[in-house]
Amino acid sequence: MAAVLPQALPGEGGVCKSRIAIEYAYRHRNKYDVIWWVPAERPAGILASLIELGDRLDLDVGNEVISAVPKVRDALRAGIPYGNWLLVFDNAENPETVRDYSPEEGSGKVLITSVTRSGA
């Protein structure tokens, strides 16, 4: 199984990182089975978005964060039901803050927009 190497798009606020990520997702939409936008400013936004993704993947995630995130990560890693996926973590404090929420293996891609460069 291939490692998922997150790609970070760092830069100061207001330099259109999110717009670049949107454009990338739009231009490459035919390469992915699912593209999921994750607002990453706060952990609560990340968790809510991943629970919604779990519902979209027809996983029985409920609202329990402790079980929802691992179920979503495992499904993406395994490619069930989508083998080619793109997760966009938008506006993360830094790439490290989303590491625990994204799969480390699988056939998908992770794009992170962030104010700082550290991590990924």
C-alpha atoms as a PDB file:
ATOM      1  CA  MET A   1       0.000   0.000   0.000  1.00  0.00           C
ATOM      2  CA  ALA A   2       1.320   3.442  -0.899  1.00  0.00           C
ATOM      3  CA  ALA A   3       2.058   6.083   1.700  1.00  0.00           C
ATOM      4  CA  VAL A   4      -0.058   9.214   1.541  1.00  0.00           C
ATOM      5  CA  LEU A   5       2.306  12.174   1.530  1.00  0.00           C
ATOM      6  CA  PRO A   6       0.357  15.328   2.318  1.00  0.00           C
ATOM      7  CA  GLN A   7       1.124  18.317   0.147  1.00  0.00           C
ATOM      8  CA  ALA A   8       1.092  21.630   1.976  1.00  0.00           C
ATOM      9  CA  LEU A   9       0.305  24.948   0.385  1.00  0.00           C
ATOM     10  CA  PRO A  10       1.668  27.460   2.925  1.00  0.00           C
ATOM     11  CA  GLY A  11       1.438  31.223   2.815  1.00  0.00           C
ATOM     12  CA  GLU A  12       0.364  34.320   4.636  1.00  0.00           C
ATOM     13  CA  GLY A  13      -3.314  35.003   5.122  1.00  0.00           C
ATOM     14  CA  GLY A  14      -5.066  36.526   2.139  1.00  0.00           C
ATOM     15  CA  VAL A  15      -2.787  35.150  -0.602  1.00  0.00           C
ATOM     16  CA  CYS A  16      -5.517  32.921  -2.096  1.00  0.00           C
ATOM     17  CA  LYS A  17      -4.323  29.504  -0.916  1.00  0.00           C
ATOM     18  CA  SER A  18      -7.919  28.288  -0.658  1.00  0.00           C
ATOM     19  CA  ARG A  19      -8.692  29.520  -4.162  1.00  0.00           C
ATOM     20  CA  ILE A  20      -5.660  27.647  -5.498  1.00  0.00           C
ATOM     21  CA  ALA A  21      -6.843  24.471  -3.730  1.00  0.00           C
ATOM     22  CA  ILE A  22     -10.336  24.922  -5.170  1.00  0.00           C
ATOM     23  CA  GLU A  23      -8.894  25.387  -8.647  1.00  0.00           C
ATOM     24  CA  TYR A  24      -6.735  22.265  -8.269  1.00  0.00           C
ATOM     25  CA  ALA A  25      -9.750  20.235  -7.126  1.00  0.00           C
ATOM     26  CA  TYR A  26     -11.831  21.571 -10.006  1.00  0.00           C
ATOM     27  CA  ARG A  27      -9.225  20.918 -12.680  1.00  0.00           C
ATOM     28  CA  HIS A  28      -8.524  17.406 -11.427  1.00  0.00           C
ATOM     29  CA  ARG A  29     -12.065  16.427 -10.429  1.00  0.00           C
ATOM     30  CA  ASN A  30     -12.147  13.617 -13.008  1.00  0.00           C
ATOM     31  CA  LYS A  31      -9.153  11.915 -11.345  1.00  0.00           C
ATOM     32  CA  TYR A  32     -10.955  11.461  -8.021  1.00  0.00           C
ATOM     33  CA  ASP A  33     -13.973   9.442  -6.953  1.00  0.00           C
ATOM     34  CA  VAL A  34     -14.610  11.825  -4.093  1.00  0.00           C
ATOM     35  CA  ILE A  35     -13.203  15.225  -3.141  1.00  0.00           C
ATOM     36  CA  TRP A  36     -13.845  16.324   0.427  1.00  0.00           C
ATOM     37  CA  TRP A  37     -13.270  19.821   1.771  1.00  0.00           C
ATOM     38  CA  VAL A  38     -12.345  19.927   5.466  1.00  0.00           C
ATOM     39  CA  PRO A  39     -12.413  23.323   7.212  1.00  0.00           C
ATOM     40  CA  ALA A  40      -9.343  22.957   9.427  1.00  0.00           C
ATOM     41  CA  GLU A  41      -9.288  26.167  11.463  1.00  0.00           C
ATOM     42  CA  ARG A  42     -10.563  24.351  14.552  1.00  0.00           C
ATOM     43  CA  PRO A  43     -10.619  20.687  15.591  1.00  0.00           C
ATOM     44  CA  ALA A  44     -14.424  20.816  15.897  1.00  0.00           C
ATOM     45  CA  GLY A  45     -14.726  21.743  12.209  1.00  0.00           C
ATOM     46  CA  ILE A  46     -12.404  18.936  11.187  1.00  0.00           C
ATOM     47  CA  LEU A  47     -14.312  16.396  13.241  1.00  0.00           C
ATOM     48  CA  ALA A  48     -17.723  17.532  11.970  1.00  0.00           C
ATOM     49  CA  SER A  49     -16.522  17.350   8.372  1.00  0.00           C
ATOM     50  CA  LEU A  50     -15.056  13.867   8.836  1.00  0.00           C
ATOM     51  CA  ILE A  51     -18.284  12.638  10.422  1.00  0.00           C
ATOM     52  CA  GLU A  52     -20.136  13.969   7.349  1.00  0.00           C
ATOM     53  CA  LEU A  53     -17.619  12.187   5.116  1.00  0.00           C
ATOM     54  CA  GLY A  54     -18.240   8.978   7.061  1.00  0.00           C
ATOM     55  CA  ASP A  55     -21.944   9.350   6.328  1.00  0.00           C
ATOM     56  CA  ARG A  56     -21.171   9.942   2.639  1.00  0.00           C
ATOM     57  CA  LEU A  57     -19.056   6.778   2.620  1.00  0.00           C
ATOM     58  CA  ASP A  58     -22.025   4.884   4.142  1.00  0.00           C
ATOM     59  CA  LEU A  59     -20.031   4.079   7.255  1.00  0.00           C
ATOM     60  CA  ASP A  60     -21.800   3.662  10.554  1.00  0.00           C
ATOM     61  CA  VAL A  61     -19.891   6.489  12.234  1.00  0.00           C
ATOM     62  CA  GLY A  62     -22.597   8.044  14.400  1.00  0.00           C
ATOM     63  CA  ASN A  63     -21.543  11.182  16.247  1.00  0.00           C
ATOM     64  CA  GLU A  64     -18.845   9.604  18.388  1.00  0.00           C
ATOM     65  CA  VAL A  65     -15.601  11.271  17.388  1.00  0.00           C
ATOM     66  CA  ILE A  66     -13.517   8.596  19.072  1.00  0.00           C
ATOM     67  CA  SER A  67     -14.830   5.987  16.624  1.00  0.00           C
ATOM     68  CA  ALA A  68     -15.762   8.127  13.609  1.00  0.00           C
ATOM     69  CA  VAL A  69     -12.285   9.385  12.721  1.00  0.00           C
ATOM     70  CA  PRO A  70     -10.609   5.938  12.781  1.00  0.00           C
ATOM     71  CA  LYS A  71     -13.455   4.449  10.717  1.00  0.00           C
ATOM     72  CA  VAL A  72     -13.123   7.156   8.072  1.00  0.00           C
ATOM     73  CA  ARG A  73      -9.314   6.884   8.001  1.00  0.00           C
ATOM     74  CA  ASP A  74      -9.511   3.082   7.684  1.00  0.00           C
ATOM     75  CA  ALA A  75     -12.075   3.255   4.878  1.00  0.00           C
ATOM     76  CA  LEU A  76      -9.990   5.748   2.894  1.00  0.00           C
ATOM     77  CA  ARG A  77      -6.816   3.746   3.494  1.00  0.00           C
ATOM     78  CA  ALA A  78      -8.553   0.606   2.233  1.00  0.00           C
ATOM     79  CA  GLY A  79     -10.161   2.433  -0.702  1.00  0.00           C
ATOM     80  CA  ILE A  80     -13.682   1.503   0.413  1.00  0.00           C
ATOM     81  CA  PRO A  81     -15.859   2.574  -1.318  1.00  0.00           C
ATOM     82  CA  TYR A  82     -13.623   5.076  -3.135  1.00  0.00           C
ATOM     83  CA  GLY A  83     -10.089   4.283  -4.206  1.00  0.00           C
ATOM     84  CA  ASN A  84      -9.116   7.686  -5.516  1.00  0.00           C
ATOM     85  CA  TRP A  85      -9.935  10.444  -3.105  1.00  0.00           C
ATOM     86  CA  LEU A  86      -8.771  13.950  -2.309  1.00  0.00           C
ATOM     87  CA  LEU A  87      -8.991  15.475   1.154  1.00  0.00           C
ATOM     88  CA  VAL A  88      -8.433  19.219   1.311  1.00  0.00           C
ATOM     89  CA  PHE A  89      -7.710  20.479   4.814  1.00  0.00           C
ATOM     90  CA  ASP A  90      -8.262  24.195   4.410  1.00  0.00           C
ATOM     91  CA  ASN A  91      -6.730  26.843   6.635  1.00  0.00           C
ATOM     92  CA  ALA A  92      -4.927  24.587   9.102  1.00  0.00           C
ATOM     93  CA  GLU A  93      -2.794  26.323  11.695  1.00  0.00           C
ATOM     94  CA  ASN A  94       0.054  24.182  10.388  1.00  0.00           C
ATOM     95  CA  PRO A  95       0.255  20.862   8.528  1.00  0.00           C
ATOM     96  CA  GLU A  96       0.975  18.940  11.739  1.00  0.00           C
ATOM     97  CA  THR A  97      -2.422  19.861  13.206  1.00  0.00           C
ATOM     98  CA  VAL A  98      -4.240  17.664  10.675  1.00  0.00           C
ATOM     99  CA  ARG A  99      -1.876  14.692  10.632  1.00  0.00           C
ATOM    100  CA  ASP A 100      -4.007  12.679  13.084  1.00  0.00           C
ATOM    101  CA  TYR A 101      -7.080  13.135  10.892  1.00  0.00           C
ATOM    102  CA  SER A 102      -5.762  11.945   7.532  1.00  0.00           C
ATOM    103  CA  PRO A 103      -4.848   8.436   6.386  1.00  0.00           C
ATOM    104  CA  GLU A 104      -1.148   7.613   6.271  1.00  0.00           C
ATOM    105  CA  GLU A 105      -1.621   5.023   3.535  1.00  0.00           C
ATOM    106  CA  GLY A 106      -3.920   4.560   0.584  1.00  0.00           C
ATOM    107  CA  SER A 107      -4.409   5.614  -2.995  1.00  0.00           C
ATOM    108  CA  GLY A 108      -5.701   9.093  -2.250  1.00  0.00           C
ATOM    109  CA  LYS A 109      -4.183  12.521  -1.828  1.00  0.00           C
ATOM    110  CA  VAL A 110      -4.145  15.100   0.949  1.00  0.00           C
ATOM    111  CA  LEU A 111      -3.779  18.821   0.299  1.00  0.00           C
ATOM    112  CA  ILE A 112      -3.330  21.219   3.213  1.00  0.00           C
ATOM    113  CA  THR A 113      -3.574  24.986   3.067  1.00  0.00           C
ATOM    114  CA  SER A 114      -1.760  26.530   5.993  1.00  0.00           C
ATOM    115  CA  VAL A 115      -0.239  29.744   7.277  1.00  0.00           C
ATOM    116  CA  THR A 116       2.953  27.953   8.373  1.00  0.00           C
ATOM    117  CA  ARG A 117       5.283  25.541   6.618  1.00  0.00           C
ATOM    118  CA  SER A 118       6.107  23.113   9.430  1.00  0.00           C
ATOM    119  CA  GLY A 119       5.309  19.444   9.115  1.00  0.00           C
ATOM    120  CA  ALA A 120       4.027  17.748   5.963  1.00  0.00           C
END
